[in-house]
Amino acid sequence: MRVFKLGGGQIQESADLPEAVPDNGFVWVACGRRELEVELEALQQFLLRSCGTTLLEPHVADLLNGHLPSTFDYTSEYDVLVFRRLAASDGDTDQVLAPRDPSELQRRGGPPVLRRIDTSPVGFAVFDRVLISVHPAGSAVLNQYANRLLNAANHPTRGNINQIPTSPADLMLRLVNLMVDGYLELRRELTKQLDHWQSELLKANSRFNNWKSLLDARIILHQLIEIGEDQRAAVQDWIESLAGWEVVEGHSEHFGGHRGLELLKVRSRDVLEHIERVIHHVHRLEQSAETAVQMHFSAQSNRTNDIMRTLTSITAIFLPLNLIAAVFGMNFDFLPWIHQPEGFWWALAIMGMISLMLGGLFWRKRLLARTGR
């Protein structure tokens, strides 16, 4: 468990819960699900002393649930946001899109980066002066943002001061935005992998056999779209709840007045816009994969048509020749040139002329034209 006291441009970190909240700041309690389960009683006592209330049992269950979709709920005292992240992981997390069993990972296809995307939920309980965040094991977002906060406090320049959140809600939005941006960093690798498959699908002289991997990739992309839509719905519910904060007595004073509350709304819309970009990008990846498959089969159909056209033209050229050979193969005593020494050569010359004429005609009609590949 990591506990941060924020206020007056100062940040203090400790491993124990404080006795009280700073007069001009707030407290951020960051822990894992196992830590929350073990320290739940002490945390509830701290909330009772600092906020006059405790977490309700259904919300505690939501924060401890490692498979809950993104959702938003609220009470008169605090708000709860559960946000499923999309981040690259090595497998030491609560939940990934692919099984952890190595043998199962070998059986499943798809790009490795898609199979390693971690979708573990991160839970937030937002009080007026306390933020509780529940992270999965080995959360890179927690460590990254904690280091950023401590660096901003140790180097109090104008830019770093702006990086210090002014309220628990502001801190929560910054963490959510960091999680969303974590997926945006994966776009380049995902696009590179699918572009490689598209080029393989459209190669004329190669046979694409990695259909199972492509199907698995589309299934995972469908899951990412569903997760993104849940994220969007949760943040939209949060934004709708912000509309009533300015009419609730005692809320606005903790966010820097009216300007601070407006800043929260702007930051919330910015987070929603980033989520929209993620959903749009995943949709585009899925459409690119589908388009590549359709273009592959269209190209295969065109190649088949070219082959059949060539074979049909060659067959048409040899049909008159077969007719001539059949006529001179009849069992009659009196046939032209049948008993003449030069008859064979005349027949051969006529057959050659017919072949050249039909071949030239078909070439002119582009029935025997060379197709680019």
Protein backbone atom coordinates (compact mmCIF):
# COMPACT_ATOMS: atom_id res chain seq x y z
CA MET A 1 0.00 0.00 0.00
CA ARG A 2 1.25 3.43 -0.97
CA VAL A 3 -0.21 6.51 0.72
CA PHE A 4 0.36 10.02 -0.65
CA LYS A 5 -0.49 13.31 1.04
CA LEU A 6 -1.00 16.08 -1.51
CA GLY A 7 -1.50 19.72 -0.66
CA GLY A 8 0.10 23.12 -0.99
CA GLY A 9 2.39 21.91 -3.74
CA GLN A 10 3.88 19.30 -1.40
CA ILE A 11 3.69 15.52 -1.76
CA GLN A 12 4.57 13.09 1.00
CA GLU A 13 4.58 9.32 0.58
CA SER A 14 4.28 6.74 3.32
CA ALA A 15 3.29 3.11 3.75
CA ASP A 16 0.82 3.73 6.59
CA LEU A 17 -2.55 5.40 6.67
CA PRO A 18 -2.44 8.89 8.25
CA GLU A 19 -4.46 9.87 11.26
CA ALA A 20 -6.13 12.72 9.40
CA VAL A 21 -6.32 14.43 6.02
CA PRO A 22 -4.25 17.60 5.49
CA ASP A 23 -6.26 20.80 5.94
CA ASN A 24 -5.33 22.18 2.52
CA GLY A 25 -5.02 18.95 0.54
CA PHE A 26 -6.18 15.37 0.17
CA VAL A 27 -4.91 11.80 0.53
CA TRP A 28 -4.37 9.23 -2.19
CA VAL A 29 -4.37 5.60 -1.06
CA ALA A 30 -3.09 3.22 -3.77
CA CYS A 31 -3.15 -0.51 -3.14
CA GLY A 32 -3.59 -3.88 -4.76
CA ARG A 33 -6.67 -6.05 -4.42
CA ARG A 34 -4.98 -8.36 -1.95
CA GLU A 35 -3.78 -5.38 0.10
CA LEU A 36 -7.28 -3.93 0.13
CA GLU A 37 -8.67 -7.22 1.39
CA VAL A 38 -6.10 -7.43 4.17
CA GLU A 39 -6.19 -3.74 5.18
CA LEU A 40 -9.93 -3.23 4.66
CA GLU A 41 -10.76 -2.73 8.34
CA ALA A 42 -8.01 -0.15 8.86
CA LEU A 43 -9.00 1.64 5.67
CA GLN A 44 -12.63 1.79 6.72
CA GLN A 45 -11.60 3.29 10.07
CA PHE A 46 -9.49 5.89 8.24
CA LEU A 47 -12.43 6.81 5.99
CA LEU A 48 -14.72 7.08 8.99
CA ARG A 49 -12.31 9.48 10.71
CA SER A 50 -11.55 11.55 7.60
CA CYS A 51 -14.81 11.52 5.64
CA GLY A 52 -17.41 10.49 8.15
CA THR A 53 -18.43 7.47 6.09
CA THR A 54 -17.15 4.11 4.88
CA LEU A 55 -17.24 2.07 1.71
CA LEU A 56 -20.41 0.10 1.21
CA GLU A 57 -20.08 -3.66 0.93
CA PRO A 58 -21.24 -3.83 -2.73
CA HIS A 59 -18.61 -1.26 -3.67
CA VAL A 60 -15.93 -3.15 -1.74
CA ALA A 61 -16.90 -6.26 -3.71
CA ASP A 62 -16.64 -4.28 -6.96
CA LEU A 63 -13.18 -3.00 -6.07
CA LEU A 64 -12.02 -6.54 -5.23
CA ASN A 65 -13.50 -8.06 -8.38
CA GLY A 66 -10.82 -8.71 -10.98
CA HIS A 67 -13.31 -9.39 -13.80
CA LEU A 68 -15.79 -6.54 -13.44
CA PRO A 69 -16.43 -4.51 -16.63
CA SER A 70 -15.97 -0.76 -16.65
CA THR A 71 -18.78 0.81 -14.67
CA PHE A 72 -19.70 3.87 -12.63
CA ASP A 73 -21.76 4.15 -9.44
CA TYR A 74 -22.27 6.84 -6.84
CA THR A 75 -23.64 7.61 -3.42
CA SER A 76 -24.31 10.86 -1.63
CA GLU A 77 -20.83 10.67 -0.06
CA TYR A 78 -18.54 9.27 -2.75
CA ASP A 79 -18.32 7.98 -6.33
CA VAL A 80 -17.00 4.64 -7.57
CA LEU A 81 -15.47 4.16 -11.01
CA VAL A 82 -14.17 0.81 -12.26
CA PHE A 83 -12.09 1.18 -15.41
CA ARG A 84 -10.70 -1.73 -17.42
CA ARG A 85 -7.27 -0.87 -18.73
CA LEU A 86 -5.69 -1.90 -22.04
CA ALA A 87 -1.96 -2.28 -21.57
CA ALA A 88 0.82 -4.56 -22.78
CA SER A 89 1.83 -7.09 -20.16
CA ASP A 90 4.15 -10.05 -19.75
CA GLY A 91 1.41 -12.09 -18.11
CA ASP A 92 2.03 -11.28 -14.41
CA THR A 93 -1.30 -9.49 -14.06
CA ASP A 94 -4.85 -10.21 -12.97
CA GLN A 95 -6.37 -10.76 -16.38
CA VAL A 96 -5.15 -10.90 -19.98
CA LEU A 97 -7.01 -11.58 -23.19
CA ALA A 98 -5.26 -14.92 -23.67
CA PRO A 99 -4.79 -17.86 -21.28
CA ARG A 100 -1.66 -18.02 -19.14
CA ASP A 101 -1.05 -21.71 -19.84
CA PRO A 102 1.98 -21.84 -22.20
CA SER A 103 0.55 -24.79 -24.13
CA GLU A 104 -2.72 -22.92 -24.64
CA LEU A 105 -0.82 -19.83 -25.77
CA GLN A 106 0.95 -21.93 -28.40
CA ARG A 107 -2.35 -23.32 -29.67
CA ARG A 108 -3.89 -19.87 -29.99
CA GLY A 109 -2.88 -17.57 -32.79
CA GLY A 110 -3.04 -13.86 -33.34
CA PRO A 111 -0.37 -11.21 -32.95
CA PRO A 112 1.61 -11.66 -29.71
CA VAL A 113 0.94 -8.05 -28.72
CA LEU A 114 -2.81 -8.67 -28.89
CA ARG A 115 -2.53 -11.81 -26.79
CA ARG A 116 -0.57 -9.89 -24.12
CA ILE A 117 -2.96 -6.97 -23.73
CA ASP A 118 -3.91 -6.79 -20.06
CA THR A 119 -7.54 -5.88 -19.37
CA SER A 120 -7.47 -5.93 -15.56
CA PRO A 121 -9.88 -3.43 -14.01
CA VAL A 122 -8.66 -0.56 -11.84
CA GLY A 123 -11.12 0.64 -9.20
CA PHE A 124 -11.47 4.17 -7.83
CA ALA A 125 -13.42 5.40 -4.81
CA VAL A 126 -13.56 9.21 -4.98
CA PHE A 127 -14.35 11.07 -1.78
CA ASP A 128 -14.20 14.82 -1.23
CA ARG A 129 -10.69 14.65 0.20
CA VAL A 130 -9.63 11.02 -0.24
CA LEU A 131 -8.97 8.93 -3.32
CA ILE A 132 -8.70 5.15 -3.08
CA SER A 133 -7.34 3.37 -6.15
CA VAL A 134 -7.19 -0.41 -6.39
CA HIS A 135 -4.69 -1.64 -8.98
CA PRO A 136 -3.81 -5.08 -10.36
CA ALA A 137 -0.55 -6.77 -9.44
CA GLY A 138 2.52 -5.13 -10.94
CA SER A 139 0.68 -2.04 -12.15
CA ALA A 140 2.99 0.04 -14.31
CA VAL A 141 0.49 2.93 -14.32
CA LEU A 142 0.69 3.29 -10.53
CA ASN A 143 4.48 3.30 -10.46
CA GLN A 144 4.75 5.60 -13.46
CA TYR A 145 2.35 8.21 -12.15
CA ALA A 146 3.68 8.02 -8.58
CA ASN A 147 7.19 8.73 -9.86
CA ARG A 148 5.84 11.61 -11.91
CA LEU A 149 4.15 13.11 -8.86
CA LEU A 150 7.24 12.80 -6.71
CA ASN A 151 9.37 14.33 -9.44
CA ALA A 152 6.95 17.26 -9.75
CA ALA A 153 7.17 17.85 -5.98
CA ASN A 154 10.96 17.63 -5.90
CA HIS A 155 11.38 19.99 -8.87
CA PRO A 156 8.76 22.71 -8.31
CA THR A 157 8.91 24.46 -11.69
CA ARG A 158 5.85 25.99 -13.27
CA GLY A 159 5.30 23.01 -15.58
CA ASN A 160 5.72 20.48 -12.80
CA ILE A 161 3.33 22.33 -10.50
CA ASN A 162 0.62 22.03 -13.15
CA GLN A 163 1.14 18.25 -13.06
CA ILE A 164 0.07 18.09 -9.40
CA PRO A 165 -3.66 17.31 -9.17
CA THR A 166 -5.85 19.63 -7.17
CA SER A 167 -8.48 17.14 -6.00
CA PRO A 168 -9.15 13.39 -5.76
CA ALA A 169 -11.38 13.57 -8.85
CA ASP A 170 -8.64 15.35 -10.78
CA LEU A 171 -6.12 12.69 -9.76
CA MET A 172 -8.49 9.90 -10.80
CA LEU A 173 -8.99 11.45 -14.25
CA ARG A 174 -5.24 11.79 -14.73
CA LEU A 175 -4.76 8.09 -13.90
CA VAL A 176 -7.57 7.05 -16.24
CA ASN A 177 -6.15 9.21 -19.00
CA LEU A 178 -2.74 7.62 -18.48
CA MET A 179 -4.29 4.15 -18.81
CA VAL A 180 -6.04 5.11 -22.04
CA ASP A 181 -2.86 6.62 -23.45
CA GLY A 182 -1.10 3.37 -22.57
CA TYR A 183 -3.17 1.63 -25.25
CA LEU A 184 -2.54 4.41 -27.74
CA GLU A 185 1.17 3.60 -27.45
CA LEU A 186 0.42 0.09 -28.75
CA ARG A 187 -1.10 1.37 -31.99
CA ARG A 188 2.14 1.32 -33.92
CA GLU A 189 2.90 -2.31 -33.12
CA LEU A 190 -0.67 -3.46 -33.78
CA THR A 191 -0.83 -1.60 -37.09
CA LYS A 192 2.54 -2.99 -38.14
CA GLN A 193 1.42 -6.58 -37.50
CA LEU A 194 -1.86 -6.24 -39.38
CA ASP A 195 -0.16 -4.39 -42.25
CA HIS A 196 2.23 -7.34 -42.53
CA TRP A 197 -0.70 -9.73 -42.79
CA GLN A 198 -2.32 -7.54 -45.44
CA SER A 199 0.81 -7.60 -47.57
CA GLU A 200 0.99 -11.39 -47.18
CA LEU A 201 -2.65 -11.75 -48.17
CA LEU A 202 -2.15 -9.71 -51.34
CA LYS A 203 1.07 -11.36 -52.53
CA ALA A 204 0.47 -13.02 -55.88
CA ASN A 205 3.01 -15.82 -55.62
CA SER A 206 2.49 -16.81 -51.98
CA ARG A 207 -0.10 -18.94 -50.25
CA PHE A 208 -1.47 -17.51 -46.99
CA ASN A 209 -2.02 -20.28 -44.42
CA ASN A 210 -2.22 -18.28 -41.17
CA TRP A 211 -6.02 -18.10 -41.18
CA LYS A 212 -6.44 -19.23 -37.57
CA SER A 213 -4.19 -16.45 -36.31
CA LEU A 214 -6.14 -13.92 -38.33
CA LEU A 215 -9.43 -15.24 -36.95
CA ASP A 216 -8.07 -15.13 -33.37
CA ALA A 217 -6.93 -11.54 -33.96
CA ARG A 218 -10.41 -10.54 -35.09
CA ILE A 219 -11.94 -12.18 -31.99
CA ILE A 220 -9.56 -10.26 -29.72
CA LEU A 221 -10.31 -7.02 -31.56
CA HIS A 222 -14.03 -7.64 -30.93
CA GLN A 223 -13.26 -7.99 -27.22
CA LEU A 224 -11.29 -4.75 -27.26
CA ILE A 225 -14.23 -2.95 -28.88
CA GLU A 226 -16.59 -4.23 -26.17
CA ILE A 227 -14.17 -3.13 -23.45
CA GLY A 228 -13.81 0.29 -25.07
CA GLU A 229 -17.58 0.73 -25.25
CA ASP A 230 -17.86 -0.14 -21.55
CA GLN A 231 -15.15 2.41 -20.79
CA ARG A 232 -16.98 5.05 -22.79
CA ALA A 233 -20.28 4.35 -21.03
CA ALA A 234 -18.64 4.55 -17.59
CA VAL A 235 -16.93 7.89 -18.34
CA GLN A 236 -20.13 9.29 -19.85
CA ASP A 237 -21.97 8.41 -16.63
CA TRP A 238 -19.22 10.15 -14.68
CA ILE A 239 -19.53 13.27 -16.84
CA GLU A 240 -23.30 13.31 -16.32
CA SER A 241 -22.77 13.12 -12.56
CA LEU A 242 -20.46 16.15 -12.71
CA ALA A 243 -23.36 18.28 -13.93
CA GLY A 244 -24.97 18.07 -10.50
CA TRP A 245 -21.88 18.78 -8.44
CA GLU A 246 -22.16 22.55 -8.58
CA VAL A 247 -25.66 22.47 -7.08
CA VAL A 248 -24.62 20.11 -4.26
CA GLU A 249 -23.53 22.13 -1.26
CA GLY A 250 -20.00 21.50 -0.08
CA HIS A 251 -18.61 19.96 -3.27
CA SER A 252 -17.20 22.88 -5.24
CA GLU A 253 -14.96 24.15 -2.48
CA HIS A 254 -12.73 21.09 -2.75
CA PHE A 255 -11.96 21.61 -6.44
CA GLY A 256 -10.67 25.17 -6.48
CA GLY A 257 -14.10 26.76 -6.79
CA HIS A 258 -16.07 27.07 -10.01
CA ARG A 259 -12.92 27.17 -12.16
CA GLY A 260 -11.66 23.91 -10.67
CA LEU A 261 -14.98 22.20 -11.33
CA GLU A 262 -14.98 23.41 -14.93
CA LEU A 263 -11.45 22.06 -15.29
CA LEU A 264 -12.70 18.66 -14.10
CA LYS A 265 -15.38 18.71 -16.80
CA VAL A 266 -12.87 19.63 -19.47
CA ARG A 267 -10.48 16.90 -18.36
CA SER A 268 -13.34 14.38 -18.29
CA ARG A 269 -14.29 15.24 -21.86
CA ASP A 270 -10.65 14.91 -22.83
CA VAL A 271 -10.55 11.39 -21.35
CA LEU A 272 -13.74 10.54 -23.24
CA GLU A 273 -12.18 11.81 -26.47
CA HIS A 274 -9.14 9.60 -25.92
CA ILE A 275 -11.39 6.59 -25.38
CA GLU A 276 -13.19 7.43 -28.62
CA ARG A 277 -9.84 7.43 -30.39
CA VAL A 278 -9.07 3.98 -29.00
CA ILE A 279 -12.43 2.60 -30.14
CA HIS A 280 -12.02 4.21 -33.55
CA HIS A 281 -8.55 2.75 -33.93
CA VAL A 282 -9.68 -0.76 -32.98
CA HIS A 283 -12.61 -0.47 -35.41
CA ARG A 284 -10.17 0.59 -38.11
CA LEU A 285 -7.89 -2.36 -37.39
CA GLU A 286 -10.84 -4.74 -37.61
CA GLN A 287 -12.04 -3.17 -40.86
CA SER A 288 -8.51 -3.34 -42.29
CA ALA A 289 -8.30 -7.05 -41.50
CA GLU A 290 -11.73 -7.66 -43.06
CA THR A 291 -10.84 -5.60 -46.13
CA ALA A 292 -7.56 -7.49 -46.56
CA VAL A 293 -9.42 -10.82 -46.48
CA GLN A 294 -11.95 -9.60 -49.05
CA MET A 295 -9.19 -8.26 -51.30
CA HIS A 296 -7.35 -11.57 -50.95
CA PHE A 297 -10.31 -13.59 -52.19
CA SER A 298 -11.01 -11.03 -54.91
CA ALA A 299 -7.41 -11.32 -56.11
CA GLN A 300 -7.65 -15.11 -56.02
CA SER A 301 -10.86 -14.95 -58.04
CA ASN A 302 -9.20 -12.66 -60.61
CA ARG A 303 -6.25 -15.02 -60.92
CA THR A 304 -8.63 -17.96 -61.41
CA ASN A 305 -10.48 -16.00 -64.10
CA ASP A 306 -7.17 -15.21 -65.86
CA ILE A 307 -6.20 -18.88 -65.85
CA MET A 308 -9.59 -20.00 -67.13
CA ARG A 309 -9.52 -17.33 -69.83
CA THR A 310 -6.12 -18.48 -71.02
CA LEU A 311 -7.12 -22.14 -71.01
CA THR A 312 -10.34 -21.34 -72.88
CA SER A 313 -8.44 -19.38 -75.53
CA ILE A 314 -5.94 -22.21 -76.03
CA THR A 315 -8.80 -24.69 -76.31
CA ALA A 316 -10.50 -22.47 -78.92
CA ILE A 317 -7.27 -22.35 -80.94
CA PHE A 318 -6.96 -26.14 -81.03
CA LEU A 319 -10.61 -26.85 -81.86
CA PRO A 320 -10.21 -26.15 -85.63
CA LEU A 321 -7.03 -28.20 -85.63
CA ASN A 322 -8.86 -31.13 -84.06
CA LEU A 323 -11.58 -30.75 -86.69
CA ILE A 324 -9.06 -30.91 -89.53
CA ALA A 325 -7.32 -33.90 -87.97
CA ALA A 326 -10.70 -35.64 -87.53
CA VAL A 327 -11.68 -35.02 -91.16
CA PHE A 328 -8.44 -36.44 -92.55
CA GLY A 329 -8.74 -39.35 -90.16
CA MET A 330 -11.98 -40.58 -91.76
CA ASN A 331 -11.92 -44.04 -93.37
CA PHE A 332 -12.77 -42.98 -96.95
CA ASP A 333 -10.76 -43.89 -100.05
CA PHE A 334 -11.27 -40.58 -101.79
CA LEU A 335 -10.15 -37.57 -99.71
CA PRO A 336 -8.32 -34.47 -100.98
CA TRP A 337 -4.51 -34.73 -100.65
CA ILE A 338 -4.83 -38.14 -99.01
CA HIS A 339 -2.72 -39.84 -101.66
CA GLN A 340 -0.52 -36.87 -102.58
CA PRO A 341 3.05 -36.64 -101.21
CA GLU A 342 2.65 -32.95 -100.33
CA GLY A 343 -0.82 -33.38 -98.73
CA PHE A 344 0.56 -33.71 -95.21
CA TRP A 345 2.57 -30.53 -95.53
CA TRP A 346 -0.37 -28.61 -96.95
CA ALA A 347 -2.60 -29.72 -94.10
CA LEU A 348 0.11 -28.86 -91.57
CA ALA A 349 0.55 -25.40 -93.10
CA ILE A 350 -3.19 -24.71 -93.01
CA MET A 351 -3.37 -25.81 -89.37
CA GLY A 352 -0.42 -23.54 -88.53
CA MET A 353 -2.00 -20.57 -90.30
CA ILE A 354 -5.28 -21.11 -88.47
CA SER A 355 -3.41 -21.30 -85.14
CA LEU A 356 -1.50 -18.08 -85.82
CA MET A 357 -4.62 -16.23 -86.96
CA LEU A 358 -6.65 -17.28 -83.91
CA GLY A 359 -3.72 -16.63 -81.57
CA GLY A 360 -3.26 -13.14 -83.02
CA LEU A 361 -6.97 -12.45 -82.79
CA PHE A 362 -7.13 -13.54 -79.15
CA TRP A 363 -4.02 -11.52 -78.31
CA ARG A 364 -5.55 -8.45 -79.93
CA LYS A 365 -8.72 -9.01 -77.91
CA ARG A 366 -6.49 -9.26 -74.78
CA LEU A 367 -7.68 -12.79 -74.12
CA LEU A 368 -4.05 -13.95 -74.03
CA ALA A 369 -2.56 -10.72 -72.63
CA ARG A 370 0.00 -10.92 -69.85
CA THR A 371 -1.54 -9.79 -66.53
CA GLY A 372 0.52 -7.85 -63.99
CA ARG A 373 1.23 -9.63 -60.69
